[in-house]
Full PDB file with SEQRES, HELIX, SHEET, SSBOND, CRYST1, ORIGX, SCALE, CONECT and MASTER records, all heavy atoms in Angstrom:
SEQRES   1 A   42  VAL GLN ASN TYR ALA VAL ASP VAL THR LEU ASP PRO ASP          
SEQRES   2 A   42  THR ALA ASN PRO TYR LEU ASN LEU SER ASP ASP GLY LYS          
SEQRES   3 A   42  GLN VAL SER CYS GLY ASP ILE GLU GLN ASP VAL PRO LYS          
SEQRES   4 A   42  ASN PRO LYS                                                  
HELIX    1 AA1 GLN A    2  TYR A    4  5                                   3    
HELIX    2 AA2 PRO A   12  THR A   14  5                                   3    
SHEET    1 AA1 2 LEU A  19  LEU A  21  0                                        
SHEET    2 AA1 2 VAL A  28  CYS A  30 -1                                        
CRYST1    1.000    1.000    1.000  90.00  90.00  90.00 P 1           1          
ORIGX1      1.000000  0.000000  0.000000        0.00000                         
ORIGX2      0.000000  1.000000  0.000000        0.00000                         
ORIGX3      0.000000  0.000000  1.000000        0.00000                         
SCALE1      1.000000  0.000000  0.000000        0.00000                         
SCALE2      0.000000  1.000000  0.000000        0.00000                         
SCALE3      0.000000  0.000000  1.000000        0.00000                         
ATOM      1  N   VAL A   1       0.752  -1.258   0.023  1.00  0.00           N  
ATOM      2  CA  VAL A   1      -0.042   0.001  -0.073  1.00  0.00           C  
ATOM      3  C   VAL A   1       0.861   1.214  -0.020  1.00  0.00           C  
ATOM      4  O   VAL A   1       0.413   2.375  -0.449  1.00  0.00           O  
ATOM      5  CB  VAL A   1      -1.009   0.020   1.110  1.00  0.00           C  
ATOM      6  CG1 VAL A   1      -1.860  -1.261   1.183  1.00  0.00           C  
ATOM      7  CG2 VAL A   1      -0.220   0.066   2.600  1.00  0.00           C  
ATOM      8  N   GLN A   2       2.002   1.094   0.557  1.00  0.00           N  
ATOM      9  CA  GLN A   2       2.998   2.413   0.566  1.00  0.00           C  
ATOM     10  C   GLN A   2       3.307   2.771  -0.811  1.00  0.00           C  
ATOM     11  O   GLN A   2       3.746   3.865  -1.020  1.00  0.00           O  
ATOM     12  CB  GLN A   2       4.247   2.091   1.364  1.00  0.00           C  
ATOM     13  CG  GLN A   2       3.845   2.070   2.821  1.00  0.00           C  
ATOM     14  CD  GLN A   2       5.180   1.797   3.689  1.00  0.00           C  
ATOM     15  OE1 GLN A   2       5.977   1.078   3.334  1.00  0.00           O  
ATOM     16  NE2 GLN A   2       5.202   2.387   4.900  1.00  0.00           N  
ATOM     17  N   ASN A   3       3.186   1.975  -1.887  1.00  0.00           N  
ATOM     18  CA  ASN A   3       3.387   2.297  -3.203  1.00  0.00           C  
ATOM     19  C   ASN A   3       2.399   3.426  -3.794  1.00  0.00           C  
ATOM     20  O   ASN A   3       2.542   3.982  -4.710  1.00  0.00           O  
ATOM     21  CB  ASN A   3       3.385   1.032  -4.086  1.00  0.00           C  
ATOM     22  CG  ASN A   3       4.499   0.082  -3.965  1.00  0.00           C  
ATOM     23  OD1 ASN A   3       5.521   0.546  -3.678  1.00  0.00           O  
ATOM     24  ND2 ASN A   3       4.184  -1.172  -3.940  1.00  0.00           N  
ATOM     25  N   TYR A   4       1.330   3.604  -2.932  1.00  0.00           N  
ATOM     26  CA  TYR A   4       0.253   4.478  -3.460  1.00  0.00           C  
ATOM     27  C   TYR A   4       0.275   5.723  -2.560  1.00  0.00           C  
ATOM     28  O   TYR A   4      -0.638   6.420  -2.554  1.00  0.00           O  
ATOM     29  CB  TYR A   4      -1.111   3.777  -3.346  1.00  0.00           C  
ATOM     30  CG  TYR A   4      -1.189   2.676  -4.416  1.00  0.00           C  
ATOM     31  CD1 TYR A   4      -0.876   1.271  -4.036  1.00  0.00           C  
ATOM     32  CD2 TYR A   4      -1.506   2.848  -5.625  1.00  0.00           C  
ATOM     33  CE1 TYR A   4      -0.932   0.342  -4.825  1.00  0.00           C  
ATOM     34  CE2 TYR A   4      -1.537   1.817  -6.638  1.00  0.00           C  
ATOM     35  CZ  TYR A   4      -1.324   0.599  -6.217  1.00  0.00           C  
ATOM     36  OH  TYR A   4      -1.258  -0.527  -7.074  1.00  0.00           O  
ATOM     37  N   ALA A   5       1.441   6.108  -1.975  1.00  0.00           N  
ATOM     38  CA  ALA A   5       1.509   7.223  -1.173  1.00  0.00           C  
ATOM     39  C   ALA A   5       1.224   8.441  -1.953  1.00  0.00           C  
ATOM     40  O   ALA A   5       1.617   8.715  -3.076  1.00  0.00           O  
ATOM     41  CB  ALA A   5       2.906   7.273  -0.489  1.00  0.00           C  
ATOM     42  N   VAL A   6       0.515   9.477  -1.315  1.00  0.00           N  
ATOM     43  CA  VAL A   6       0.254  10.766  -1.915  1.00  0.00           C  
ATOM     44  C   VAL A   6       0.612  11.919  -0.949  1.00  0.00           C  
ATOM     45  O   VAL A   6       0.720  11.625   0.232  1.00  0.00           O  
ATOM     46  CB  VAL A   6      -1.350  10.872  -2.147  1.00  0.00           C  
ATOM     47  CG1 VAL A   6      -1.770   9.857  -3.324  1.00  0.00           C  
ATOM     48  CG2 VAL A   6      -2.292  10.636  -0.902  1.00  0.00           C  
ATOM     49  N   ASP A   7       0.822  13.028  -1.518  1.00  0.00           N  
ATOM     50  CA  ASP A   7       1.260  14.224  -0.709  1.00  0.00           C  
ATOM     51  C   ASP A   7      -0.041  14.928  -0.154  1.00  0.00           C  
ATOM     52  O   ASP A   7      -0.813  15.359  -0.840  1.00  0.00           O  
ATOM     53  CB  ASP A   7       2.048  15.180  -1.535  1.00  0.00           C  
ATOM     54  CG  ASP A   7       2.590  16.332  -0.667  1.00  0.00           C  
ATOM     55  OD1 ASP A   7       2.480  16.214   0.579  1.00  0.00           O  
ATOM     56  OD2 ASP A   7       3.019  17.437  -1.262  1.00  0.00           O  
ATOM     57  N   VAL A   8      -0.292  14.877   1.077  1.00  0.00           N  
ATOM     58  CA  VAL A   8      -1.552  15.346   1.741  1.00  0.00           C  
ATOM     59  C   VAL A   8      -1.208  16.636   2.548  1.00  0.00           C  
ATOM     60  O   VAL A   8      -0.206  16.627   3.357  1.00  0.00           O  
ATOM     61  CB  VAL A   8      -2.195  14.318   2.655  1.00  0.00           C  
ATOM     62  CG1 VAL A   8      -3.305  14.944   3.428  1.00  0.00           C  
ATOM     63  CG2 VAL A   8      -2.645  13.076   1.869  1.00  0.00           C  
ATOM     64  N   THR A   9      -1.984  17.666   2.476  1.00  0.00           N  
ATOM     65  CA  THR A   9      -1.819  18.867   3.186  1.00  0.00           C  
ATOM     66  C   THR A   9      -3.130  19.268   3.652  1.00  0.00           C  
ATOM     67  O   THR A   9      -4.280  19.075   3.096  1.00  0.00           O  
ATOM     68  CB  THR A   9      -1.263  20.131   2.416  1.00  0.00           C  
ATOM     69  OG1 THR A   9      -1.989  20.239   1.157  1.00  0.00           O  
ATOM     70  CG2 THR A   9       0.166  19.776   2.085  1.00  0.00           C  
ATOM     71  N   LEU A  10      -3.250  19.951   4.832  1.00  0.00           N  
ATOM     72  CA  LEU A  10      -4.490  20.335   5.511  1.00  0.00           C  
ATOM     73  C   LEU A  10      -5.153  21.556   4.770  1.00  0.00           C  
ATOM     74  O   LEU A  10      -4.439  22.423   4.347  1.00  0.00           O  
ATOM     75  CB  LEU A  10      -4.262  20.615   6.928  1.00  0.00           C  
ATOM     76  CG  LEU A  10      -3.653  19.390   7.711  1.00  0.00           C  
ATOM     77  CD1 LEU A  10      -3.257  19.911   9.173  1.00  0.00           C  
ATOM     78  CD2 LEU A  10      -4.567  18.211   7.679  1.00  0.00           C  
ATOM     79  N   ASP A  11      -6.453  21.624   4.826  1.00  0.00           N  
ATOM     80  CA  ASP A  11      -7.252  22.556   4.224  1.00  0.00           C  
ATOM     81  C   ASP A  11      -7.796  23.566   5.281  1.00  0.00           C  
ATOM     82  O   ASP A  11      -8.668  23.265   5.970  1.00  0.00           O  
ATOM     83  CB  ASP A  11      -8.369  22.022   3.424  1.00  0.00           C  
ATOM     84  CG  ASP A  11      -9.171  23.198   2.630  1.00  0.00           C  
ATOM     85  OD1 ASP A  11      -8.842  24.256   2.730  1.00  0.00           O  
ATOM     86  OD2 ASP A  11     -10.148  22.765   1.980  1.00  0.00           O  
ATOM     87  N   PRO A  12      -7.112  24.802   5.482  1.00  0.00           N  
ATOM     88  CA  PRO A  12      -7.591  25.757   6.555  1.00  0.00           C  
ATOM     89  C   PRO A  12      -9.024  26.104   6.352  1.00  0.00           C  
ATOM     90  O   PRO A  12      -9.727  26.586   7.477  1.00  0.00           O  
ATOM     91  CB  PRO A  12      -6.617  26.907   6.346  1.00  0.00           C  
ATOM     92  CG  PRO A  12      -6.114  26.809   5.000  1.00  0.00           C  
ATOM     93  CD  PRO A  12      -6.112  25.344   4.544  1.00  0.00           C  
ATOM     94  N   ASP A  13      -9.556  26.051   5.156  1.00  0.00           N  
ATOM     95  CA  ASP A  13     -10.943  26.563   4.912  1.00  0.00           C  
ATOM     96  C   ASP A  13     -11.967  25.586   5.628  1.00  0.00           C  
ATOM     97  O   ASP A  13     -13.175  25.908   5.797  1.00  0.00           O  
ATOM     98  CB  ASP A  13     -11.306  26.603   3.517  1.00  0.00           C  
ATOM     99  CG  ASP A  13     -10.643  27.858   2.812  1.00  0.00           C  
ATOM    100  OD1 ASP A  13     -10.233  28.798   3.568  1.00  0.00           O  
ATOM    101  OD2 ASP A  13     -10.445  27.837   1.581  1.00  0.00           O  
ATOM    102  N   THR A  14     -11.538  24.346   5.959  1.00  0.00           N  
ATOM    103  CA  THR A  14     -12.336  23.324   6.459  1.00  0.00           C  
ATOM    104  C   THR A  14     -12.288  23.260   7.991  1.00  0.00           C  
ATOM    105  O   THR A  14     -12.959  22.534   8.735  1.00  0.00           O  
ATOM    106  CB  THR A  14     -12.274  21.938   5.928  1.00  0.00           C  
ATOM    107  OG1 THR A  14     -10.898  21.543   6.218  1.00  0.00           O  
ATOM    108  CG2 THR A  14     -12.335  21.948   4.359  1.00  0.00           C  
ATOM    109  N   ALA A  15     -11.203  23.998   8.486  1.00  0.00           N  
ATOM    110  CA  ALA A  15     -10.674  23.610   9.927  1.00  0.00           C  
ATOM    111  C   ALA A  15     -11.733  24.328  10.952  1.00  0.00           C  
ATOM    112  O   ALA A  15     -12.106  25.546  10.753  1.00  0.00           O  
ATOM    113  CB  ALA A  15      -9.303  24.227  10.251  1.00  0.00           C  
ATOM    114  N   ASN A  16     -12.032  23.550  12.011  1.00  0.00           N  
ATOM    115  CA  ASN A  16     -12.852  24.066  13.136  1.00  0.00           C  
ATOM    116  C   ASN A  16     -12.091  25.245  13.665  1.00  0.00           C  
ATOM    117  O   ASN A  16     -10.874  25.376  13.793  1.00  0.00           O  
ATOM    118  CB  ASN A  16     -13.068  23.014  14.074  1.00  0.00           C  
ATOM    119  CG  ASN A  16     -13.907  23.486  15.359  1.00  0.00           C  
ATOM    120  OD1 ASN A  16     -13.328  24.175  16.202  1.00  0.00           O  
ATOM    121  ND2 ASN A  16     -15.099  23.220  15.460  1.00  0.00           N  
ATOM    122  N   PRO A  17     -12.849  26.385  14.197  1.00  0.00           N  
ATOM    123  CA  PRO A  17     -12.194  27.628  14.618  1.00  0.00           C  
ATOM    124  C   PRO A  17     -11.191  27.350  15.809  1.00  0.00           C  
ATOM    125  O   PRO A  17     -10.361  28.176  16.061  1.00  0.00           O  
ATOM    126  CB  PRO A  17     -13.336  28.543  15.089  1.00  0.00           C  
ATOM    127  CG  PRO A  17     -14.426  27.996  14.246  1.00  0.00           C  
ATOM    128  CD  PRO A  17     -14.295  26.553  14.039  1.00  0.00           C  
ATOM    129  N   TYR A  18     -11.338  26.309  16.469  1.00  0.00           N  
ATOM    130  CA  TYR A  18     -10.528  25.984  17.706  1.00  0.00           C  
ATOM    131  C   TYR A  18      -9.270  25.209  17.265  1.00  0.00           C  
ATOM    132  O   TYR A  18      -8.313  25.144  18.145  1.00  0.00           O  
ATOM    133  CB  TYR A  18     -11.175  25.180  18.754  1.00  0.00           C  
ATOM    134  CG  TYR A  18     -12.124  25.956  19.531  1.00  0.00           C  
ATOM    135  CD1 TYR A  18     -13.509  26.109  19.204  1.00  0.00           C  
ATOM    136  CD2 TYR A  18     -11.776  26.596  20.691  1.00  0.00           C  
ATOM    137  CE1 TYR A  18     -14.389  26.898  19.875  1.00  0.00           C  
ATOM    138  CE2 TYR A  18     -12.725  27.381  21.534  1.00  0.00           C  
ATOM    139  CZ  TYR A  18     -13.965  27.430  21.156  1.00  0.00           C  
ATOM    140  OH  TYR A  18     -14.854  28.249  21.846  1.00  0.00           O  
ATOM    141  N   LEU A  19      -9.046  25.059  16.012  1.00  0.00           N  
ATOM    142  CA  LEU A  19      -7.780  24.241  15.674  1.00  0.00           C  
ATOM    143  C   LEU A  19      -6.721  25.121  15.187  1.00  0.00           C  
ATOM    144  O   LEU A  19      -6.898  26.254  14.679  1.00  0.00           O  
ATOM    145  CB  LEU A  19      -8.225  23.315  14.309  1.00  0.00           C  
ATOM    146  CG  LEU A  19      -9.145  22.155  14.649  1.00  0.00           C  
ATOM    147  CD1 LEU A  19      -9.279  21.311  13.445  1.00  0.00           C  
ATOM    148  CD2 LEU A  19      -8.641  21.206  15.789  1.00  0.00           C  
ATOM    149  N   ASN A  20      -5.494  24.734  15.523  1.00  0.00           N  
ATOM    150  CA  ASN A  20      -4.287  25.333  15.095  1.00  0.00           C  
ATOM    151  C   ASN A  20      -3.576  24.529  14.065  1.00  0.00           C  
ATOM    152  O   ASN A  20      -3.153  23.432  14.328  1.00  0.00           O  
ATOM    153  CB  ASN A  20      -3.323  25.553  16.333  1.00  0.00           C  
ATOM    154  CG  ASN A  20      -4.064  26.502  17.481  1.00  0.00           C  
ATOM    155  OD1 ASN A  20      -4.684  27.439  17.133  1.00  0.00           O  
ATOM    156  ND2 ASN A  20      -3.929  25.964  18.699  1.00  0.00           N  
ATOM    157  N   LEU A  21      -3.309  25.232  12.882  1.00  0.00           N  
ATOM    158  CA  LEU A  21      -2.678  24.468  11.775  1.00  0.00           C  
ATOM    159  C   LEU A  21      -1.238  25.190  11.618  1.00  0.00           C  
ATOM    160  O   LEU A  21      -1.129  26.341  11.744  1.00  0.00           O  
ATOM    161  CB  LEU A  21      -3.378  24.651  10.473  1.00  0.00           C  
ATOM    162  CG  LEU A  21      -4.460  23.596  10.184  1.00  0.00           C  
ATOM    163  CD1 LEU A  21      -5.590  23.735  11.298  1.00  0.00           C  
ATOM    164  CD2 LEU A  21      -5.148  23.822   8.803  1.00  0.00           C  
ATOM    165  N   SER A  22      -0.283  24.316  11.287  1.00  0.00           N  
ATOM    166  CA  SER A  22       1.079  24.755  10.920  1.00  0.00           C  
ATOM    167  C   SER A  22       1.129  25.458   9.646  1.00  0.00           C  
ATOM    168  O   SER A  22       0.236  25.238   8.794  1.00  0.00           O  
ATOM    169  CB  SER A  22       1.999  23.643  11.014  1.00  0.00           C  
ATOM    170  OG  SER A  22       1.794  22.646   9.958  1.00  0.00           O  
ATOM    171  N   ASP A  23       2.024  26.286   9.411  1.00  0.00           N  
ATOM    172  CA  ASP A  23       2.141  27.045   8.228  1.00  0.00           C  
ATOM    173  C   ASP A  23       2.277  26.154   6.953  1.00  0.00           C  
ATOM    174  O   ASP A  23       1.867  26.443   5.903  1.00  0.00           O  
ATOM    175  CB  ASP A  23       3.349  28.081   8.207  1.00  0.00           C  
ATOM    176  CG  ASP A  23       3.064  29.182   9.201  1.00  0.00           C  
ATOM    177  OD1 ASP A  23       1.997  29.468   9.556  1.00  0.00           O  
ATOM    178  OD2 ASP A  23       4.065  29.719   9.639  1.00  0.00           O  
ATOM    179  N   ASP A  24       2.973  25.043   7.138  1.00  0.00           N  
ATOM    180  CA  ASP A  24       3.057  24.072   5.982  1.00  0.00           C  
ATOM    181  C   ASP A  24       1.989  23.135   5.731  1.00  0.00           C  
ATOM    182  O   ASP A  24       1.937  22.333   4.806  1.00  0.00           O  
ATOM    183  CB  ASP A  24       4.465  23.209   6.227  1.00  0.00           C  
ATOM    184  CG  ASP A  24       4.360  22.343   7.397  1.00  0.00           C  
ATOM    185  OD1 ASP A  24       3.360  22.444   8.099  1.00  0.00           O  
ATOM    186  OD2 ASP A  24       5.326  21.602   7.591  1.00  0.00           O  
ATOM    187  N   GLY A  25       0.921  23.192   6.625  1.00  0.00           N  
ATOM    188  CA  GLY A  25      -0.260  22.450   6.396  1.00  0.00           C  
ATOM    189  C   GLY A  25      -0.090  20.972   6.725  1.00  0.00           C  
ATOM    190  O   GLY A  25      -0.826  20.223   6.294  1.00  0.00           O  
ATOM    191  N   LYS A  26       0.847  20.668   7.612  1.00  0.00           N  
ATOM    192  CA  LYS A  26       1.182  19.289   7.898  1.00  0.00           C  
ATOM    193  C   LYS A  26       0.876  18.939   9.352  1.00  0.00           C  
ATOM    194  O   LYS A  26       0.949  17.750   9.714  1.00  0.00           O  
ATOM    195  CB  LYS A  26       2.730  18.947   7.595  1.00  0.00           C  
ATOM    196  CG  LYS A  26       3.103  19.125   6.168  1.00  0.00           C  
ATOM    197  CD  LYS A  26       2.509  18.065   5.298  1.00  0.00           C  
ATOM    198  CE  LYS A  26       2.945  18.269   3.896  1.00  0.00           C  
ATOM    199  NZ  LYS A  26       2.309  17.256   3.007  1.00  0.00           N  
ATOM    200  N   GLN A  27       0.613  19.893  10.235  1.00  0.00           N  
ATOM    201  CA  GLN A  27       0.263  19.622  11.618  1.00  0.00           C  
ATOM    202  C   GLN A  27      -0.941  20.355  12.104  1.00  0.00           C  
ATOM    203  O   GLN A  27      -1.266  21.414  11.582  1.00  0.00           O  
ATOM    204  CB  GLN A  27       1.379  20.090  12.527  1.00  0.00           C  
ATOM    205  CG  GLN A  27       2.749  19.457  12.182  1.00  0.00           C  
ATOM    206  CD  GLN A  27       3.824  19.822  13.185  1.00  0.00           C  
ATOM    207  OE1 GLN A  27       3.629  20.114  14.340  1.00  0.00           O  
ATOM    208  NE2 GLN A  27       5.135  19.976  12.809  1.00  0.00           N  
ATOM    209  N   VAL A  28      -1.762  19.651  13.033  1.00  0.00           N  
ATOM    210  CA  VAL A  28      -2.937  20.236  13.543  1.00  0.00           C  
ATOM    211  C   VAL A  28      -3.055  19.794  15.009  1.00  0.00           C  
ATOM    212  O   VAL A  28      -2.831  18.655  15.419  1.00  0.00           O  
ATOM    213  CB  VAL A  28      -4.154  19.831  12.740  1.00  0.00           C  
ATOM    214  CG1 VAL A  28      -4.323  18.346  12.722  1.00  0.00           C  
ATOM    215  CG2 VAL A  28      -5.522  20.486  13.308  1.00  0.00           C  
ATOM    216  N   SER A  29      -3.398  20.853  15.825  1.00  0.00           N  
ATOM    217  CA  SER A  29      -3.729  20.572  17.215  1.00  0.00           C  
ATOM    218  C   SER A  29      -4.928  21.349  17.669  1.00  0.00           C  
ATOM    219  O   SER A  29      -5.278  22.346  16.909  1.00  0.00           O  
ATOM    220  CB  SER A  29      -2.470  20.908  18.101  1.00  0.00           C  
ATOM    221  OG  SER A  29      -2.119  22.296  17.878  1.00  0.00           O  
ATOM    222  N   CYS A  30      -5.504  21.015  18.816  1.00  0.00           N  
ATOM    223  CA  CYS A  30      -6.692  21.735  19.196  1.00  0.00           C  
ATOM    224  C   CYS A  30      -6.325  22.615  20.453  1.00  0.00           C  
ATOM    225  O   CYS A  30      -5.735  22.299  21.351  1.00  0.00           O  
ATOM    226  CB  CYS A  30      -7.759  20.701  19.707  1.00  0.00           C  
ATOM    227  SG  CYS A  30      -9.348  21.395  20.020  1.00  0.00           S  
ATOM    228  N   GLY A  31      -6.710  24.011  20.203  1.00  0.00           N  
ATOM    229  CA  GLY A  31      -6.417  24.883  21.319  1.00  0.00           C  
ATOM    230  C   GLY A  31      -7.811  25.259  22.149  1.00  0.00           C  
ATOM    231  O   GLY A  31      -8.746  24.634  21.922  1.00  0.00           O  
ATOM    232  N   ASP A  32      -7.479  26.239  23.112  1.00  0.00           N  
ATOM    233  CA  ASP A  32      -8.605  26.565  23.961  1.00  0.00           C  
ATOM    234  C   ASP A  32      -9.353  27.814  23.574  1.00  0.00           C  
ATOM    235  O   ASP A  32     -10.397  28.251  24.078  1.00  0.00           O  
ATOM    236  CB  ASP A  32      -8.048  26.802  25.468  1.00  0.00           C  
ATOM    237  CG  ASP A  32      -7.492  25.447  25.995  1.00  0.00           C  
ATOM    238  OD1 ASP A  32      -8.048  24.443  25.795  1.00  0.00           O  
ATOM    239  OD2 ASP A  32      -6.383  25.592  26.614  1.00  0.00           O  
ATOM    240  N   ILE A  33      -8.754  28.515  22.578  1.00  0.00           N  
ATOM    241  CA  ILE A  33      -9.409  29.842  22.150  1.00  0.00           C  
ATOM    242  C   ILE A  33      -9.891  29.677  20.672  1.00  0.00           C  
ATOM    243  O   ILE A  33      -9.207  29.185  19.842  1.00  0.00           O  
ATOM    244  CB  ILE A  33      -8.242  30.843  22.098  1.00  0.00           C  
ATOM    245  CG1 ILE A  33      -7.658  31.040  23.576  1.00  0.00           C  
ATOM    246  CG2 ILE A  33      -8.856  32.263  21.707  1.00  0.00           C  
ATOM    247  CD1 ILE A  33      -6.518  31.987  23.659  1.00  0.00           C  
ATOM    248  N   GLU A  34     -11.064  30.152  20.576  1.00  0.00           N  
ATOM    249  CA  GLU A  34     -11.770  30.199  19.247  1.00  0.00           C  
ATOM    250  C   GLU A  34     -11.159  31.302  18.351  1.00  0.00           C  
ATOM    251  O   GLU A  34     -11.148  32.461  18.844  1.00  0.00           O  
ATOM    252  CB  GLU A  34     -13.230  30.437  19.400  1.00  0.00           C  
ATOM    253  CG  GLU A  34     -13.970  30.313  18.057  1.00  0.00           C  
ATOM    254  CD  GLU A  34     -15.527  30.463  18.157  1.00  0.00           C  
ATOM    255  OE1 GLU A  34     -15.930  30.663  19.357  1.00  0.00           O  
ATOM    256  OE2 GLU A  34     -16.217  30.196  17.222  1.00  0.00           O  
ATOM    257  N   GLN A  35     -10.599  30.987  17.261  1.00  0.00           N  
ATOM    258  CA  GLN A  35      -9.992  31.971  16.304  1.00  0.00           C  
ATOM    259  C   GLN A  35     -11.043  32.677  15.480  1.00  0.00           C  
ATOM    260  O   GLN A  35     -12.116  32.050  15.228  1.00  0.00           O  
ATOM    261  CB  GLN A  35      -8.979  31.225  15.564  1.00  0.00           C  
ATOM    262  CG  GLN A  35      -7.885  30.476  16.279  1.00  0.00           C  
ATOM    263  CD  GLN A  35      -6.890  29.873  15.463  1.00  0.00           C  
ATOM    264  OE1 GLN A  35      -6.217  30.503  14.724  1.00  0.00           O  
ATOM    265  NE2 GLN A  35      -6.726  28.548  15.565  1.00  0.00           N  
ATOM    266  N   ASP A  36     -10.673  33.896  15.067  1.00  0.00           N  
ATOM    267  CA  ASP A  36     -11.541  34.643  14.195  1.00  0.00           C  
ATOM    268  C   ASP A  36     -11.323  34.270  12.693  1.00  0.00           C  
ATOM    269  O   ASP A  36     -10.293  34.613  12.147  1.00  0.00           O  
ATOM    270  CB  ASP A  36     -11.363  35.995  14.420  1.00  0.00           C  
ATOM    271  CG  ASP A  36     -12.317  36.881  13.532  1.00  0.00           C  
ATOM    272  OD1 ASP A  36     -13.254  36.407  13.033  1.00  0.00           O  
ATOM    273  OD2 ASP A  36     -12.001  38.121  13.352  1.00  0.00           O  
ATOM    274  N   VAL A  37     -12.108  33.307  12.190  1.00  0.00           N  
ATOM    275  CA  VAL A  37     -11.910  32.746  10.895  1.00  0.00           C  
ATOM    276  C   VAL A  37     -13.142  33.055  10.078  1.00  0.00           C  
ATOM    277  O   VAL A  37     -14.172  33.232  10.463  1.00  0.00           O  
ATOM    278  CB  VAL A  37     -11.475  31.337  10.931  1.00  0.00           C  
ATOM    279  CG1 VAL A  37     -10.198  30.970  11.610  1.00  0.00           C  
ATOM    280  CG2 VAL A  37     -12.746  30.488  11.615  1.00  0.00           C  
ATOM    281  N   PRO A  38     -12.886  33.184   8.628  1.00  0.00           N  
ATOM    282  CA  PRO A  38     -14.038  33.472   7.831  1.00  0.00           C  
ATOM    283  C   PRO A  38     -15.052  32.296   7.898  1.00  0.00           C  
ATOM    284  O   PRO A  38     -14.676  31.227   7.942  1.00  0.00           O  
ATOM    285  CB  PRO A  38     -13.396  33.675   6.413  1.00  0.00           C  
ATOM    286  CG  PRO A  38     -11.947  33.826   6.601  1.00  0.00           C  
ATOM    287  CD  PRO A  38     -11.667  33.119   7.930  1.00  0.00           C  
ATOM    288  N   LYS A  39     -16.279  32.648   7.811  1.00  0.00           N  
ATOM    289  CA  LYS A  39     -17.373  31.669   7.785  1.00  0.00           C  
ATOM    290  C   LYS A  39     -17.590  31.212   6.404  1.00  0.00           C  
ATOM    291  O   LYS A  39     -17.618  31.968   5.449  1.00  0.00           O  
ATOM    292  CB  LYS A  39     -18.606  32.234   8.346  1.00  0.00           C  
ATOM    293  CG  LYS A  39     -18.632  32.472   9.836  1.00  0.00           C  
ATOM    294  CD  LYS A  39     -19.944  32.954  10.359  1.00  0.00           C  
ATOM    295  CE  LYS A  39     -19.931  33.314  11.884  1.00  0.00           C  
ATOM    296  NZ  LYS A  39     -21.328  33.750  12.411  1.00  0.00           N  
ATOM    297  N   ASN A  40     -17.578  29.931   6.206  1.00  0.00           N  
ATOM    298  CA  ASN A  40     -17.902  29.291   4.844  1.00  0.00           C  
ATOM    299  C   ASN A  40     -18.589  27.958   5.017  1.00  0.00           C  
ATOM    300  O   ASN A  40     -18.361  27.289   6.077  1.00  0.00           O  
ATOM    301  CB  ASN A  40     -16.634  29.307   3.998  1.00  0.00           C  
ATOM    302  CG  ASN A  40     -15.667  28.354   4.543  1.00  0.00           C  
ATOM    303  OD1 ASN A  40     -15.844  27.026   4.436  1.00  0.00           O  
ATOM    304  ND2 ASN A  40     -14.524  28.775   5.084  1.00  0.00           N  
ATOM    305  N   PRO A  41     -19.251  27.501   3.968  1.00  0.00           N  
ATOM    306  CA  PRO A  41     -19.888  26.174   4.163  1.00  0.00           C  
ATOM    307  C   PRO A  41     -19.073  24.990   4.239  1.00  0.00           C  
ATOM    308  O   PRO A  41     -19.554  24.014   4.682  1.00  0.00           O  
ATOM    309  CB  PRO A  41     -20.769  26.145   2.927  1.00  0.00           C  
ATOM    310  CG  PRO A  41     -20.117  27.103   1.760  1.00  0.00           C  
ATOM    311  CD  PRO A  41     -19.545  28.150   2.738  1.00  0.00           C  
ATOM    312  N   LYS A  42     -17.842  25.178   3.945  1.00  0.00           N  
ATOM    313  CA  LYS A  42     -16.920  23.993   4.046  1.00  0.00           C  
ATOM    314  C   LYS A  42     -16.367  23.754   5.408  1.00  0.00           C  
ATOM    315  O   LYS A  42     -15.923  22.658   5.723  1.00  0.00           O  
ATOM    316  CB  LYS A  42     -15.671  24.309   3.087  1.00  0.00           C  
ATOM    317  CG  LYS A  42     -16.008  24.333   1.575  1.00  0.00           C  
ATOM    318  CD  LYS A  42     -14.803  24.655   0.864  1.00  0.00           C  
ATOM    319  CE  LYS A  42     -13.472  23.824   0.959  1.00  0.00           C  
ATOM    320  NZ  LYS A  42     -12.450  24.202   0.151  1.00  0.00           N  
TER     321      LYS A  42                                                      
MASTER        0    0    0    2    2    0    0    6  320    1    0    4          
END                                                                             
């Protein structure tokens, strides 16, 4: 299955407001403060 590896990055437009994403889109953790992010259906 490792032969089918793909490059995956996180989509900030889908992230819950409490999540913290790294600049490179490879790490995500949950914080205690709700961030001011644009509202969108995604």
